[in-house]
Amino acid sequence: MTFSIVAYDPKNKEWGIAVQSKFVAVGAIVPFAKANVGAIATQAYANTSYGPEGLTLLEKGLTAEETIKELIKDDEMREQRQIGIVDSYGNTAAFTGKKCFDWAGHLIGKNFSCQGNILASEDVVKAMAEAFENTINDLVKKLFAALEAGQKKGGDRRGRESAAILIVKEKGAYDGGTDRYIDIRVDEHPRPIKELRKVFEVYDMCILLRDDPKDIIKLEGDVMKIVKERLKIDGFYKGEIDDLYDKKTKDALRDWLGTNNFEVKEREDEYMWGSVYRYILNLKK
């Protein structure tokens, strides 16, 4: 009831899954991943134990293919299961049971596997694979390209309902406390992939440290006045709207950044990330 992709980015050491389905809260069922271990998508008549058990097997040193063989060997319902795995080295493997509803199948490529069931046609996974391979960008953008390409070819032939992307990397969380780098979901939406991209853009702007080091704005002149206007409108600053970046302004800006989920974008110098400044400009419109 789903189409998905599992993939590995060897450059940035990221493992991820992207999925869309005519099924509620698919992000709670299909994707499992652990940094430096691998990523798993379990679907069709999903056996959710394949996720944690598969990661345990991968962590013990089994390859993606060996892990699938171990997971399905004693599963009496294996012919109704579908699974895709990429291991810590980028080796990929997939399994589609003979009793999965048509169209069902998978396509394996370098560092990725696309799989789906109850699809409009085989063209869905073919388009996903082509989009992933031809998109020159980081993993999350490649996963989005794959999802969007699969949907354009008809996706889940029953319709659309939910979508999710999970990407892990070592110390990937905003504070480095876990490996959960990107974990975004959309449920009960007529266009979940489009909405998922919207959610990601906000998440990316506020949380992820993916800014171009050159994309910074000096807090001076008219820029400083615009920032102070916003701080004053939002109740964080009560002084004059001038171009001075003093301690009072810095403290007010720090409080504003934290309140608006930009705490990881705080800087100690006299510059602001361009993404934060553009956000402030958009608030004026």
C-alpha atoms as a PDB file:
ATOM      1  CA  MET A   1       0.000   0.000   0.000  1.00  0.00           C
ATOM      2  CA  THR A   2       3.079   2.159  -0.261  1.00  0.00           C
ATOM      3  CA  PHE A   3       6.050   3.341  -2.296  1.00  0.00           C
ATOM      4  CA  SER A   4       9.360   4.089  -0.636  1.00  0.00           C
ATOM      5  CA  ILE A   5      13.087   4.468  -1.097  1.00  0.00           C
ATOM      6  CA  VAL A   6      15.931   3.564   1.255  1.00  0.00           C
ATOM      7  CA  ALA A   7      19.272   5.195   0.525  1.00  0.00           C
ATOM      8  CA  TYR A   8      22.793   5.980   1.717  1.00  0.00           C
ATOM      9  CA  ASP A   9      24.896   9.085   1.178  1.00  0.00           C
ATOM     10  CA  PRO A  10      28.557   7.991   1.457  1.00  0.00           C
ATOM     11  CA  LYS A  11      29.861  11.562   1.356  1.00  0.00           C
ATOM     12  CA  ASN A  12      27.892  12.848   4.346  1.00  0.00           C
ATOM     13  CA  LYS A  13      27.440   9.451   6.041  1.00  0.00           C
ATOM     14  CA  GLU A  14      23.645   9.669   6.065  1.00  0.00           C
ATOM     15  CA  TRP A  15      21.081   6.867   5.858  1.00  0.00           C
ATOM     16  CA  GLY A  16      17.472   7.624   4.995  1.00  0.00           C
ATOM     17  CA  ILE A  17      14.005   6.519   4.003  1.00  0.00           C
ATOM     18  CA  ALA A  18      11.292   8.417   2.160  1.00  0.00           C
ATOM     19  CA  VAL A  19       7.770   7.033   1.865  1.00  0.00           C
ATOM     20  CA  GLN A  20       4.262   7.929   0.745  1.00  0.00           C
ATOM     21  CA  SER A  21       1.062   5.907   1.051  1.00  0.00           C
ATOM     22  CA  LYS A  22      -2.730   5.825   1.093  1.00  0.00           C
ATOM     23  CA  PHE A  23      -2.366   4.816   4.719  1.00  0.00           C
ATOM     24  CA  VAL A  24      -2.644   6.911   7.840  1.00  0.00           C
ATOM     25  CA  ALA A  25       0.606   7.833   9.642  1.00  0.00           C
ATOM     26  CA  VAL A  26       2.880   5.834   7.357  1.00  0.00           C
ATOM     27  CA  GLY A  27       5.897   7.421   9.068  1.00  0.00           C
ATOM     28  CA  ALA A  28       5.066   5.458  12.209  1.00  0.00           C
ATOM     29  CA  ILE A  29       5.104   2.102  10.376  1.00  0.00           C
ATOM     30  CA  VAL A  30       7.585   1.968   7.495  1.00  0.00           C
ATOM     31  CA  PRO A  31      10.897   3.768   8.260  1.00  0.00           C
ATOM     32  CA  PHE A  32      13.611   2.552  10.613  1.00  0.00           C
ATOM     33  CA  ALA A  33      17.242   3.685  10.638  1.00  0.00           C
ATOM     34  CA  LYS A  34      20.350   3.945  12.774  1.00  0.00           C
ATOM     35  CA  ALA A  35      23.492   5.947  12.042  1.00  0.00           C
ATOM     36  CA  ASN A  36      26.469   3.874  10.896  1.00  0.00           C
ATOM     37  CA  VAL A  37      24.177   0.825  10.726  1.00  0.00           C
ATOM     38  CA  GLY A  38      21.625   1.249   7.947  1.00  0.00           C
ATOM     39  CA  ALA A  39      18.065   2.042   6.918  1.00  0.00           C
ATOM     40  CA  ILE A  40      15.020  -0.200   6.528  1.00  0.00           C
ATOM     41  CA  ALA A  41      11.583   0.203   4.958  1.00  0.00           C
ATOM     42  CA  THR A  42       9.051  -2.466   5.945  1.00  0.00           C
ATOM     43  CA  GLN A  43       5.732  -2.341   4.098  1.00  0.00           C
ATOM     44  CA  ALA A  44       2.888  -4.159   2.280  1.00  0.00           C
ATOM     45  CA  TYR A  45       1.407  -6.254   5.119  1.00  0.00           C
ATOM     46  CA  ALA A  46       4.152  -4.653   7.192  1.00  0.00           C
ATOM     47  CA  ASN A  47       5.932  -6.648   9.841  1.00  0.00           C
ATOM     48  CA  THR A  48       7.099  -3.794  12.046  1.00  0.00           C
ATOM     49  CA  SER A  49       9.484  -6.079  13.934  1.00  0.00           C
ATOM     50  CA  TYR A  50      11.578  -6.148  10.747  1.00  0.00           C
ATOM     51  CA  GLY A  51      12.683  -2.609  11.661  1.00  0.00           C
ATOM     52  CA  PRO A  52      14.334  -3.046  15.065  1.00  0.00           C
ATOM     53  CA  GLU A  53      15.300  -6.677  14.466  1.00  0.00           C
ATOM     54  CA  GLY A  54      16.803  -5.803  11.102  1.00  0.00           C
ATOM     55  CA  LEU A  55      18.874  -2.989  12.569  1.00  0.00           C
ATOM     56  CA  THR A  56      20.154  -5.358  15.249  1.00  0.00           C
ATOM     57  CA  LEU A  57      21.241  -7.840  12.587  1.00  0.00           C
ATOM     58  CA  LEU A  58      22.923  -5.108  10.550  1.00  0.00           C
ATOM     59  CA  GLU A  59      24.755  -3.879  13.637  1.00  0.00           C
ATOM     60  CA  LYS A  60      26.053  -7.415  14.193  1.00  0.00           C
ATOM     61  CA  GLY A  61      27.693  -7.271  10.765  1.00  0.00           C
ATOM     62  CA  LEU A  62      25.175  -8.923   8.451  1.00  0.00           C
ATOM     63  CA  THR A  63      24.793  -7.379   5.003  1.00  0.00           C
ATOM     64  CA  ALA A  64      21.502  -6.012   3.709  1.00  0.00           C
ATOM     65  CA  GLU A  65      20.864  -9.225   1.762  1.00  0.00           C
ATOM     66  CA  GLU A  66      21.776 -11.475   4.684  1.00  0.00           C
ATOM     67  CA  THR A  67      19.528  -9.475   6.969  1.00  0.00           C
ATOM     68  CA  ILE A  68      16.503  -9.899   4.721  1.00  0.00           C
ATOM     69  CA  LYS A  69      17.067 -13.649   4.481  1.00  0.00           C
ATOM     70  CA  GLU A  70      17.258 -13.885   8.254  1.00  0.00           C
ATOM     71  CA  LEU A  71      14.133 -11.759   8.791  1.00  0.00           C
ATOM     72  CA  ILE A  72      11.862 -13.657   6.417  1.00  0.00           C
ATOM     73  CA  LYS A  73      13.055 -17.237   6.917  1.00  0.00           C
ATOM     74  CA  ASP A  74      10.666 -18.034   9.794  1.00  0.00           C
ATOM     75  CA  ASP A  75       7.920 -15.565   8.866  1.00  0.00           C
ATOM     76  CA  GLU A  76       4.882 -17.560   7.740  1.00  0.00           C
ATOM     77  CA  MET A  77       3.433 -14.430   6.130  1.00  0.00           C
ATOM     78  CA  ARG A  78       6.606 -13.486   4.255  1.00  0.00           C
ATOM     79  CA  GLU A  79       4.895 -13.662   0.865  1.00  0.00           C
ATOM     80  CA  GLN A  80       2.727 -10.720   1.958  1.00  0.00           C
ATOM     81  CA  ARG A  81       5.718  -8.664   3.087  1.00  0.00           C
ATOM     82  CA  GLN A  82       7.872  -6.133   1.314  1.00  0.00           C
ATOM     83  CA  ILE A  83      11.154  -4.771   2.599  1.00  0.00           C
ATOM     84  CA  GLY A  84      14.039  -2.639   1.390  1.00  0.00           C
ATOM     85  CA  ILE A  85      17.370  -2.305   3.204  1.00  0.00           C
ATOM     86  CA  VAL A  86      20.595  -0.360   2.779  1.00  0.00           C
ATOM     87  CA  ASP A  87      23.414  -1.304   5.134  1.00  0.00           C
ATOM     88  CA  SER A  88      26.296   0.662   6.624  1.00  0.00           C
ATOM     89  CA  TYR A  89      28.402   0.292   3.475  1.00  0.00           C
ATOM     90  CA  GLY A  90      25.649   1.204   1.025  1.00  0.00           C
ATOM     91  CA  ASN A  91      24.886  -2.391   0.014  1.00  0.00           C
ATOM     92  CA  THR A  92      21.204  -2.678  -0.838  1.00  0.00           C
ATOM     93  CA  ALA A  93      18.704  -5.515  -0.967  1.00  0.00           C
ATOM     94  CA  ALA A  94      14.940  -5.851  -1.249  1.00  0.00           C
ATOM     95  CA  PHE A  95      12.229  -8.473  -1.061  1.00  0.00           C
ATOM     96  CA  THR A  96       8.705  -8.437  -2.486  1.00  0.00           C
ATOM     97  CA  GLY A  97       6.464 -11.325  -1.493  1.00  0.00           C
ATOM     98  CA  LYS A  98       4.508 -13.153  -4.181  1.00  0.00           C
ATOM     99  CA  LYS A  99       1.189 -12.310  -2.491  1.00  0.00           C
ATOM    100  CA  CYS A 100       1.713  -8.534  -2.413  1.00  0.00           C
ATOM    101  CA  PHE A 101      -1.021  -6.778  -4.402  1.00  0.00           C
ATOM    102  CA  ASP A 102      -0.194  -5.628  -7.948  1.00  0.00           C
ATOM    103  CA  TRP A 103       1.686  -3.741  -9.020  1.00  0.00           C
ATOM    104  CA  ALA A 104       4.335  -4.761  -6.552  1.00  0.00           C
ATOM    105  CA  GLY A 105       8.080  -4.907  -6.936  1.00  0.00           C
ATOM    106  CA  HIS A 106      11.398  -3.222  -6.335  1.00  0.00           C
ATOM    107  CA  LEU A 107      14.369  -1.747  -8.175  1.00  0.00           C
ATOM    108  CA  ILE A 108      17.868  -1.716  -6.700  1.00  0.00           C
ATOM    109  CA  GLY A 109      20.597   0.758  -7.602  1.00  0.00           C
ATOM    110  CA  LYS A 110      23.901   1.971  -6.202  1.00  0.00           C
ATOM    111  CA  ASN A 111      23.344   2.987  -2.567  1.00  0.00           C
ATOM    112  CA  PHE A 112      19.534   2.821  -2.869  1.00  0.00           C
ATOM    113  CA  SER A 113      16.487   0.613  -3.323  1.00  0.00           C
ATOM    114  CA  CYS A 114      13.001   1.663  -4.457  1.00  0.00           C
ATOM    115  CA  GLN A 115      10.027  -0.548  -3.636  1.00  0.00           C
ATOM    116  CA  GLY A 116       6.264  -0.371  -3.722  1.00  0.00           C
ATOM    117  CA  ASN A 117       2.997  -2.277  -3.803  1.00  0.00           C
ATOM    118  CA  ILE A 118      -0.504  -1.489  -5.062  1.00  0.00           C
ATOM    119  CA  LEU A 119       1.202   0.950  -7.420  1.00  0.00           C
ATOM    120  CA  ALA A 120      -0.154   2.451 -10.624  1.00  0.00           C
ATOM    121  CA  SER A 121       2.551   0.546 -12.525  1.00  0.00           C
ATOM    122  CA  GLU A 122       6.201  -0.457 -12.547  1.00  0.00           C
ATOM    123  CA  ASP A 123       6.918   3.030 -13.886  1.00  0.00           C
ATOM    124  CA  VAL A 124       6.587   4.371 -10.343  1.00  0.00           C
ATOM    125  CA  VAL A 125       9.761   2.709  -9.040  1.00  0.00           C
ATOM    126  CA  LYS A 126      11.566   3.295 -12.337  1.00  0.00           C
ATOM    127  CA  ALA A 127      10.861   7.025 -12.128  1.00  0.00           C
ATOM    128  CA  MET A 128      11.931   7.109  -8.488  1.00  0.00           C
ATOM    129  CA  ALA A 129      15.245   5.440  -9.272  1.00  0.00           C
ATOM    130  CA  GLU A 130      15.942   7.730 -12.218  1.00  0.00           C
ATOM    131  CA  ALA A 131      15.137  10.856 -10.216  1.00  0.00           C
ATOM    132  CA  PHE A 132      17.326   9.767  -7.322  1.00  0.00           C
ATOM    133  CA  GLU A 133      20.292   9.005  -9.576  1.00  0.00           C
ATOM    134  CA  ASN A 134      19.967  12.197 -11.616  1.00  0.00           C
ATOM    135  CA  THR A 135      19.505  14.643  -8.738  1.00  0.00           C
ATOM    136  CA  ILE A 136      22.831  16.202  -7.788  1.00  0.00           C
ATOM    137  CA  ASN A 137      22.266  17.325  -4.214  1.00  0.00           C
ATOM    138  CA  ASP A 138      22.306  16.130  -0.625  1.00  0.00           C
ATOM    139  CA  LEU A 139      20.311  13.104   0.497  1.00  0.00           C
ATOM    140  CA  VAL A 140      17.118  14.834   1.572  1.00  0.00           C
ATOM    141  CA  LYS A 141      16.767  16.605  -1.787  1.00  0.00           C
ATOM    142  CA  LYS A 142      17.392  13.344  -3.637  1.00  0.00           C
ATOM    143  CA  LEU A 143      14.738  11.591  -1.539  1.00  0.00           C
ATOM    144  CA  PHE A 144      12.227  14.344  -2.288  1.00  0.00           C
ATOM    145  CA  ALA A 145      13.004  14.050  -5.989  1.00  0.00           C
ATOM    146  CA  ALA A 146      12.349  10.308  -5.857  1.00  0.00           C
ATOM    147  CA  LEU A 147       9.014  10.702  -4.035  1.00  0.00           C
ATOM    148  CA  GLU A 148       7.801  13.412  -6.386  1.00  0.00           C
ATOM    149  CA  ALA A 149       8.805  11.427  -9.468  1.00  0.00           C
ATOM    150  CA  GLY A 150       7.020   8.332  -8.186  1.00  0.00           C
ATOM    151  CA  GLN A 151       3.851  10.289  -7.512  1.00  0.00           C
ATOM    152  CA  LYS A 152       3.910  11.807 -11.007  1.00  0.00           C
ATOM    153  CA  LYS A 153       3.746   8.264 -12.398  1.00  0.00           C
ATOM    154  CA  GLY A 154       0.668   7.482 -10.335  1.00  0.00           C
ATOM    155  CA  GLY A 155       2.185   6.421  -7.013  1.00  0.00           C
ATOM    156  CA  ASP A 156      -0.118   4.393  -4.780  1.00  0.00           C
ATOM    157  CA  ARG A 157      -3.040   3.669  -7.134  1.00  0.00           C
ATOM    158  CA  ARG A 158      -5.541   3.995  -4.266  1.00  0.00           C
ATOM    159  CA  GLY A 159      -4.600   7.632  -3.669  1.00  0.00           C
ATOM    160  CA  ARG A 160      -2.656   9.759  -1.193  1.00  0.00           C
ATOM    161  CA  GLU A 161      -2.831  10.191   2.569  1.00  0.00           C
ATOM    162  CA  SER A 162       0.528  10.419   4.355  1.00  0.00           C
ATOM    163  CA  ALA A 163       4.248  10.803   3.740  1.00  0.00           C
ATOM    164  CA  ALA A 164       7.461  10.840   5.749  1.00  0.00           C
ATOM    165  CA  ILE A 165      11.220  11.236   5.515  1.00  0.00           C
ATOM    166  CA  LEU A 166      13.646   9.914   8.115  1.00  0.00           C
ATOM    167  CA  ILE A 167      17.393  10.560   7.825  1.00  0.00           C
ATOM    168  CA  VAL A 168      19.981   9.633  10.433  1.00  0.00           C
ATOM    169  CA  LYS A 169      23.625  10.528  10.848  1.00  0.00           C
ATOM    170  CA  GLU A 170      26.017  10.380  13.788  1.00  0.00           C
ATOM    171  CA  LYS A 171      25.061  13.112  16.302  1.00  0.00           C
ATOM    172  CA  GLY A 172      22.608  14.395  13.707  1.00  0.00           C
ATOM    173  CA  ALA A 173      20.056  15.971  16.052  1.00  0.00           C
ATOM    174  CA  TYR A 174      20.237  19.743  16.448  1.00  0.00           C
ATOM    175  CA  ASP A 175      22.008  19.368  19.800  1.00  0.00           C
ATOM    176  CA  GLY A 176      24.029  16.288  18.830  1.00  0.00           C
ATOM    177  CA  GLY A 177      22.158  14.167  21.362  1.00  0.00           C
ATOM    178  CA  THR A 178      20.813  11.540  18.935  1.00  0.00           C
ATOM    179  CA  ASP A 179      21.315  10.436  15.335  1.00  0.00           C
ATOM    180  CA  ARG A 180      17.865  11.674  14.218  1.00  0.00           C
ATOM    181  CA  TYR A 181      18.921  14.309  11.685  1.00  0.00           C
ATOM    182  CA  ILE A 182      15.641  14.763   9.788  1.00  0.00           C
ATOM    183  CA  ASP A 183      12.362  13.232  10.939  1.00  0.00           C
ATOM    184  CA  ILE A 184       9.346  14.871   9.279  1.00  0.00           C
ATOM    185  CA  ARG A 185       5.846  13.526   8.650  1.00  0.00           C
ATOM    186  CA  VAL A 186       2.536  14.596   7.142  1.00  0.00           C
ATOM    187  CA  ASP A 187      -0.709  12.743   7.864  1.00  0.00           C
ATOM    188  CA  GLU A 188      -4.273  12.988   6.557  1.00  0.00           C
ATOM    189  CA  HIS A 189      -3.475  15.374   3.711  1.00  0.00           C
ATOM    190  CA  PRO A 190      -4.658  15.357   0.064  1.00  0.00           C
ATOM    191  CA  ARG A 191      -1.148  16.194  -1.184  1.00  0.00           C
ATOM    192  CA  PRO A 192       1.204  14.843   1.494  1.00  0.00           C
ATOM    193  CA  ILE A 193       4.449  15.083  -0.486  1.00  0.00           C
ATOM    194  CA  LYS A 194       3.885  18.737  -1.321  1.00  0.00           C
ATOM    195  CA  GLU A 195       3.013  19.453   2.311  1.00  0.00           C
ATOM    196  CA  LEU A 196       6.043  17.456   3.469  1.00  0.00           C
ATOM    197  CA  ARG A 197       8.312  19.707   1.410  1.00  0.00           C
ATOM    198  CA  LYS A 198       6.679  22.749   3.024  1.00  0.00           C
ATOM    199  CA  VAL A 199       7.310  21.276   6.480  1.00  0.00           C
ATOM    200  CA  PHE A 200      10.914  20.529   5.544  1.00  0.00           C
ATOM    201  CA  GLU A 201      11.565  24.079   4.374  1.00  0.00           C
ATOM    202  CA  VAL A 202      10.527  25.426   7.780  1.00  0.00           C
ATOM    203  CA  TYR A 203      12.462  22.698   9.602  1.00  0.00           C
ATOM    204  CA  ASP A 204      15.527  23.362   7.462  1.00  0.00           C
ATOM    205  CA  MET A 205      15.395  27.102   8.093  1.00  0.00           C
ATOM    206  CA  CYS A 206      14.945  26.810  11.865  1.00  0.00           C
ATOM    207  CA  ILE A 207      16.784  23.669  12.901  1.00  0.00           C
ATOM    208  CA  LEU A 208      19.326  22.355  10.420  1.00  0.00           C
ATOM    209  CA  LEU A 209      22.812  23.832  10.230  1.00  0.00           C
ATOM    210  CA  ARG A 210      23.003  23.661   6.434  1.00  0.00           C
ATOM    211  CA  ASP A 211      23.564  27.365   5.817  1.00  0.00           C
ATOM    212  CA  ASP A 212      26.092  28.567   3.286  1.00  0.00           C
ATOM    213  CA  PRO A 213      28.914  30.151   5.332  1.00  0.00           C
ATOM    214  CA  LYS A 214      28.822  33.088   2.901  1.00  0.00           C
ATOM    215  CA  ASP A 215      25.085  33.656   3.408  1.00  0.00           C
ATOM    216  CA  ILE A 216      25.363  36.101   6.300  1.00  0.00           C
ATOM    217  CA  ILE A 217      24.091  39.653   6.832  1.00  0.00           C
ATOM    218  CA  LYS A 218      25.920  42.219   8.955  1.00  0.00           C
ATOM    219  CA  LEU A 219      23.774  43.739  11.675  1.00  0.00           C
ATOM    220  CA  GLU A 220      24.256  47.408  10.766  1.00  0.00           C
ATOM    221  CA  GLY A 221      22.512  50.248   8.939  1.00  0.00           C
ATOM    222  CA  ASP A 222      19.057  49.546   7.536  1.00  0.00           C
ATOM    223  CA  VAL A 223      19.405  45.823   8.298  1.00  0.00           C
ATOM    224  CA  MET A 224      19.723  46.576  11.995  1.00  0.00           C
ATOM    225  CA  LYS A 225      16.743  48.923  11.875  1.00  0.00           C
ATOM    226  CA  ILE A 226      14.576  46.258  10.221  1.00  0.00           C
ATOM    227  CA  VAL A 227      15.612  43.685  12.826  1.00  0.00           C
ATOM    228  CA  LYS A 228      14.889  46.112  15.687  1.00  0.00           C
ATOM    229  CA  GLU A 229      11.465  46.879  14.221  1.00  0.00           C
ATOM    230  CA  ARG A 230      10.641  43.177  14.279  1.00  0.00           C
ATOM    231  CA  LEU A 231      11.980  42.783  17.822  1.00  0.00           C
ATOM    232  CA  LYS A 232       9.844  45.739  18.930  1.00  0.00           C
ATOM    233  CA  ILE A 233       6.691  44.497  17.172  1.00  0.00           C
ATOM    234  CA  ASP A 234       7.097  41.102  18.834  1.00  0.00           C
ATOM    235  CA  GLY A 235       7.650  42.633  22.275  1.00  0.00           C
ATOM    236  CA  PHE A 236      11.334  41.819  22.768  1.00  0.00           C
ATOM    237  CA  TYR A 237      12.771  45.338  22.432  1.00  0.00           C
ATOM    238  CA  LYS A 238      11.649  48.713  23.760  1.00  0.00           C
ATOM    239  CA  GLY A 239      14.484  51.026  22.690  1.00  0.00           C
ATOM    240  CA  GLU A 240      15.052  53.327  19.745  1.00  0.00           C
ATOM    241  CA  ILE A 241      14.892  52.016  16.169  1.00  0.00           C
ATOM    242  CA  ASP A 242      18.465  52.905  15.263  1.00  0.00           C
ATOM    243  CA  ASP A 243      21.361  51.040  13.635  1.00  0.00           C
ATOM    244  CA  LEU A 244      23.310  50.235  16.814  1.00  0.00           C
ATOM    245  CA  TYR A 245      23.956  46.603  17.753  1.00  0.00           C
ATOM    246  CA  ASP A 246      24.452  47.006  21.497  1.00  0.00           C
ATOM    247  CA  LYS A 247      24.075  44.559  24.396  1.00  0.00           C
ATOM    248  CA  LYS A 248      20.390  45.369  24.872  1.00  0.00           C
ATOM    249  CA  THR A 249      19.730  44.546  21.224  1.00  0.00           C
ATOM    250  CA  LYS A 250      21.827  41.387  21.337  1.00  0.00           C
ATOM    251  CA  ASP A 251      19.940  40.104  24.399  1.00  0.00           C
ATOM    252  CA  ALA A 252      16.601  40.911  22.779  1.00  0.00           C
ATOM    253  CA  LEU A 253      17.643  39.137  19.568  1.00  0.00           C
ATOM    254  CA  ARG A 254      18.763  36.062  21.519  1.00  0.00           C
ATOM    255  CA  ASP A 255      15.373  35.861  23.231  1.00  0.00           C
ATOM    256  CA  TRP A 256      13.562  36.325  19.923  1.00  0.00           C
ATOM    257  CA  LEU A 257      15.631  33.613  18.222  1.00  0.00           C
ATOM    258  CA  GLY A 258      14.860  31.141  21.002  1.00  0.00           C
ATOM    259  CA  THR A 259      11.145  31.920  21.024  1.00  0.00           C
ATOM    260  CA  ASN A 260      10.933  31.436  17.244  1.00  0.00           C
ATOM    261  CA  ASN A 261      12.897  28.150  17.214  1.00  0.00           C
ATOM    262  CA  PHE A 262      16.051  29.713  15.787  1.00  0.00           C
ATOM    263  CA  GLU A 263      18.267  29.023  18.817  1.00  0.00           C
ATOM    264  CA  VAL A 264      20.690  26.927  16.765  1.00  0.00           C
ATOM    265  CA  LYS A 265      21.075  29.892  14.400  1.00  0.00           C
ATOM    266  CA  GLU A 266      22.338  32.228  17.126  1.00  0.00           C
ATOM    267  CA  ARG A 267      25.704  33.841  16.361  1.00  0.00           C
ATOM    268  CA  GLU A 268      28.256  35.470  18.668  1.00  0.00           C
ATOM    269  CA  ASP A 269      29.528  37.936  16.076  1.00  0.00           C
ATOM    270  CA  GLU A 270      27.808  40.920  14.457  1.00  0.00           C
ATOM    271  CA  TYR A 271      26.184  38.901  11.689  1.00  0.00           C
ATOM    272  CA  MET A 272      22.873  37.125  11.155  1.00  0.00           C
ATOM    273  CA  TRP A 273      22.296  34.091   8.963  1.00  0.00           C
ATOM    274  CA  GLY A 274      20.674  35.096   5.690  1.00  0.00           C
ATOM    275  CA  SER A 275      17.903  32.535   6.206  1.00  0.00           C
ATOM    276  CA  VAL A 276      16.855  34.223   9.477  1.00  0.00           C
ATOM    277  CA  TYR A 277      16.957  37.700   7.955  1.00  0.00           C
ATOM    278  CA  ARG A 278      14.825  36.582   4.995  1.00  0.00           C
ATOM    279  CA  TYR A 279      12.347  35.132   7.468  1.00  0.00           C
ATOM    280  CA  ILE A 280      12.125  38.531   9.176  1.00  0.00           C
ATOM    281  CA  LEU A 281      11.643  40.260   5.818  1.00  0.00           C
ATOM    282  CA  ASN A 282       8.824  37.851   4.928  1.00  0.00           C
ATOM    283  CA  LEU A 283       7.065  38.697   8.199  1.00  0.00           C
ATOM    284  CA  LYS A 284       6.817  42.313   7.003  1.00  0.00           C
ATOM    285  CA  LYS A 285       4.844  41.348   3.897  1.00  0.00           C
END
